[in-house]
């Protein structure tokens, strides 16, 4: 089942993703520990250039980051497959600004 971007937005807020990431359109989401989450759909890779960028890989990353990149600072968030798909849908639905 594809993700629901609106549910994903609510999960990003509820799970406090903005504590570590800057997330456009989310008030107070200005964290700098992790990368900013704008332009995710335009990036060729995820997780510091080690994982090819695709919605499936993003969902896998959101569900269990350490399984894809041991030693990552990104924790397991305890999301279900559907919740991770929803967050992915939200991130990929963001306005795209061409990268410099």
C-alpha atoms as a PDB file:
ATOM      1  CA  UNK A   1       0.000   0.000   0.000  1.00  0.00           C
ATOM      2  CA  UNK A   2       1.407   3.421  -0.884  1.00  0.00           C
ATOM      3  CA  UNK A   3       2.052   5.985   1.801  1.00  0.00           C
ATOM      4  CA  UNK A   4      -0.226   8.825   2.838  1.00  0.00           C
ATOM      5  CA  UNK A   5       1.670  12.125   2.893  1.00  0.00           C
ATOM      6  CA  UNK A   6      -0.740  13.780   5.338  1.00  0.00           C
ATOM      7  CA  UNK A   7      -0.347  10.932   7.833  1.00  0.00           C
ATOM      8  CA  UNK A   8       3.409  11.120   7.266  1.00  0.00           C
ATOM      9  CA  UNK A   9       3.433  14.815   8.106  1.00  0.00           C
ATOM     10  CA  UNK A  10       1.600  14.095  11.355  1.00  0.00           C
ATOM     11  CA  UNK A  11       4.121  11.363  12.200  1.00  0.00           C
ATOM     12  CA  UNK A  12       7.068  13.679  11.530  1.00  0.00           C
ATOM     13  CA  UNK A  13       5.562  16.119  14.028  1.00  0.00           C
ATOM     14  CA  UNK A  14       4.534  13.475  16.586  1.00  0.00           C
ATOM     15  CA  UNK A  15       7.877  11.646  16.509  1.00  0.00           C
ATOM     16  CA  UNK A  16       9.860  14.854  16.887  1.00  0.00           C
ATOM     17  CA  UNK A  17      11.889  14.483  13.691  1.00  0.00           C
ATOM     18  CA  UNK A  18      12.482  18.244  13.790  1.00  0.00           C
ATOM     19  CA  UNK A  19      14.628  17.818  16.890  1.00  0.00           C
ATOM     20  CA  UNK A  20      17.369  16.382  14.668  1.00  0.00           C
ATOM     21  CA  UNK A  21      16.369  17.541  11.168  1.00  0.00           C
ATOM     22  CA  UNK A  22      15.219  20.746   9.541  1.00  0.00           C
ATOM     23  CA  UNK A  23      11.904  19.892   7.905  1.00  0.00           C
ATOM     24  CA  UNK A  24      10.345  22.499   5.613  1.00  0.00           C
ATOM     25  CA  UNK A  25       6.737  23.264   6.467  1.00  0.00           C
ATOM     26  CA  UNK A  26       6.965  21.926  10.019  1.00  0.00           C
ATOM     27  CA  UNK A  27       6.985  24.689  12.613  1.00  0.00           C
ATOM     28  CA  UNK A  28       9.953  24.398  14.962  1.00  0.00           C
ATOM     29  CA  UNK A  29      11.599  21.620  12.933  1.00  0.00           C
ATOM     30  CA  UNK A  30      15.032  23.177  12.772  1.00  0.00           C
ATOM     31  CA  UNK A  31      17.363  20.477  14.090  1.00  0.00           C
ATOM     32  CA  UNK A  32      20.912  20.318  12.806  1.00  0.00           C
ATOM     33  CA  UNK A  33      22.104  16.925  14.102  1.00  0.00           C
ATOM     34  CA  UNK A  34      20.851  15.155  10.966  1.00  0.00           C
ATOM     35  CA  UNK A  35      20.689  16.506   7.428  1.00  0.00           C
ATOM     36  CA  UNK A  36      17.899  18.862   6.372  1.00  0.00           C
ATOM     37  CA  UNK A  37      15.022  16.945   4.821  1.00  0.00           C
ATOM     38  CA  UNK A  38      14.279  19.289   1.947  1.00  0.00           C
ATOM     39  CA  UNK A  39      14.888  18.067  -1.616  1.00  0.00           C
ATOM     40  CA  UNK A  40      14.949  14.408  -0.564  1.00  0.00           C
ATOM     41  CA  UNK A  41      13.444  13.361  -3.902  1.00  0.00           C
ATOM     42  CA  UNK A  42      16.279  15.065  -5.787  1.00  0.00           C
ATOM     43  CA  UNK A  43      19.127  13.393  -3.926  1.00  0.00           C
ATOM     44  CA  UNK A  44      20.886  10.516  -5.666  1.00  0.00           C
ATOM     45  CA  UNK A  45      21.605   8.750  -2.382  1.00  0.00           C
ATOM     46  CA  UNK A  46      20.475   8.534   1.237  1.00  0.00           C
ATOM     47  CA  UNK A  47      22.351   8.248   4.515  1.00  0.00           C
ATOM     48  CA  UNK A  48      25.566   9.982   3.618  1.00  0.00           C
ATOM     49  CA  UNK A  49      25.794   8.686   0.063  1.00  0.00           C
ATOM     50  CA  UNK A  50      25.779   4.991   0.880  1.00  0.00           C
ATOM     51  CA  UNK A  51      22.225   3.986  -0.121  1.00  0.00           C
ATOM     52  CA  UNK A  52      20.673   4.610  -3.564  1.00  0.00           C
ATOM     53  CA  UNK A  53      17.712   6.958  -3.234  1.00  0.00           C
ATOM     54  CA  UNK A  54      14.296   5.441  -3.874  1.00  0.00           C
ATOM     55  CA  UNK A  55      11.005   5.444  -1.984  1.00  0.00           C
ATOM     56  CA  UNK A  56      11.532   1.780  -1.058  1.00  0.00           C
ATOM     57  CA  UNK A  57      15.018   2.456   0.312  1.00  0.00           C
ATOM     58  CA  UNK A  58      13.771   5.528   2.179  1.00  0.00           C
ATOM     59  CA  UNK A  59      11.058   3.421   3.803  1.00  0.00           C
ATOM     60  CA  UNK A  60      13.619   0.778   4.769  1.00  0.00           C
ATOM     61  CA  UNK A  61      15.908   3.512   6.154  1.00  0.00           C
ATOM     62  CA  UNK A  62      13.127   5.090   8.214  1.00  0.00           C
ATOM     63  CA  UNK A  63      12.140   1.692   9.651  1.00  0.00           C
ATOM     64  CA  UNK A  64      15.605   0.469  10.621  1.00  0.00           C
ATOM     65  CA  UNK A  65      18.536   2.806   9.898  1.00  0.00           C
ATOM     66  CA  UNK A  66      21.228   0.726  11.690  1.00  0.00           C
ATOM     67  CA  UNK A  67      20.438  -2.320   9.527  1.00  0.00           C
ATOM     68  CA  UNK A  68      21.352  -0.313   6.418  1.00  0.00           C
ATOM     69  CA  UNK A  69      24.216   1.713   7.889  1.00  0.00           C
ATOM     70  CA  UNK A  70      25.739   0.277  11.064  1.00  0.00           C
ATOM     71  CA  UNK A  71      26.911   2.977  13.438  1.00  0.00           C
ATOM     72  CA  UNK A  72      24.510   5.622  12.145  1.00  0.00           C
ATOM     73  CA  UNK A  73      23.263   8.209  14.613  1.00  0.00           C
ATOM     74  CA  UNK A  74      19.736   7.758  13.236  1.00  0.00           C
ATOM     75  CA  UNK A  75      17.841   5.571  15.711  1.00  0.00           C
ATOM     76  CA  UNK A  76      15.120   3.025  15.117  1.00  0.00           C
ATOM     77  CA  UNK A  77      11.889   4.913  15.622  1.00  0.00           C
ATOM     78  CA  UNK A  78       9.599   1.931  16.093  1.00  0.00           C
ATOM     79  CA  UNK A  79       7.476   2.787  13.080  1.00  0.00           C
ATOM     80  CA  UNK A  80       5.405   0.188  11.289  1.00  0.00           C
ATOM     81  CA  UNK A  81       5.883  -0.460   7.576  1.00  0.00           C
ATOM     82  CA  UNK A  82       2.802   1.659   6.808  1.00  0.00           C
ATOM     83  CA  UNK A  83       3.955   4.521   9.040  1.00  0.00           C
ATOM     84  CA  UNK A  84       7.375   4.503   7.369  1.00  0.00           C
ATOM     85  CA  UNK A  85       5.670   4.551   3.958  1.00  0.00           C
ATOM     86  CA  UNK A  86       3.582   7.516   5.117  1.00  0.00           C
ATOM     87  CA  UNK A  87       6.687   9.442   6.247  1.00  0.00           C
ATOM     88  CA  UNK A  88       8.359   8.600   2.944  1.00  0.00           C
ATOM     89  CA  UNK A  89       5.307   9.867   1.036  1.00  0.00           C
ATOM     90  CA  UNK A  90       5.446  13.107   3.018  1.00  0.00           C
ATOM     91  CA  UNK A  91       9.162  13.620   2.395  1.00  0.00           C
ATOM     92  CA  UNK A  92       8.858  12.885  -1.314  1.00  0.00           C
ATOM     93  CA  UNK A  93       5.842  15.194  -1.644  1.00  0.00           C
ATOM     94  CA  UNK A  94       7.743  18.260  -0.493  1.00  0.00           C
ATOM     95  CA  UNK A  95       8.312  21.071  -3.002  1.00  0.00           C
ATOM     96  CA  UNK A  96      11.435  20.442  -5.010  1.00  0.00           C
ATOM     97  CA  UNK A  97      14.000  23.154  -5.454  1.00  0.00           C
ATOM     98  CA  UNK A  98      16.801  22.284  -7.868  1.00  0.00           C
ATOM     99  CA  UNK A  99      20.077  21.583  -6.145  1.00  0.00           C
ATOM    100  CA  UNK A 100      22.905  23.998  -6.935  1.00  0.00           C
END
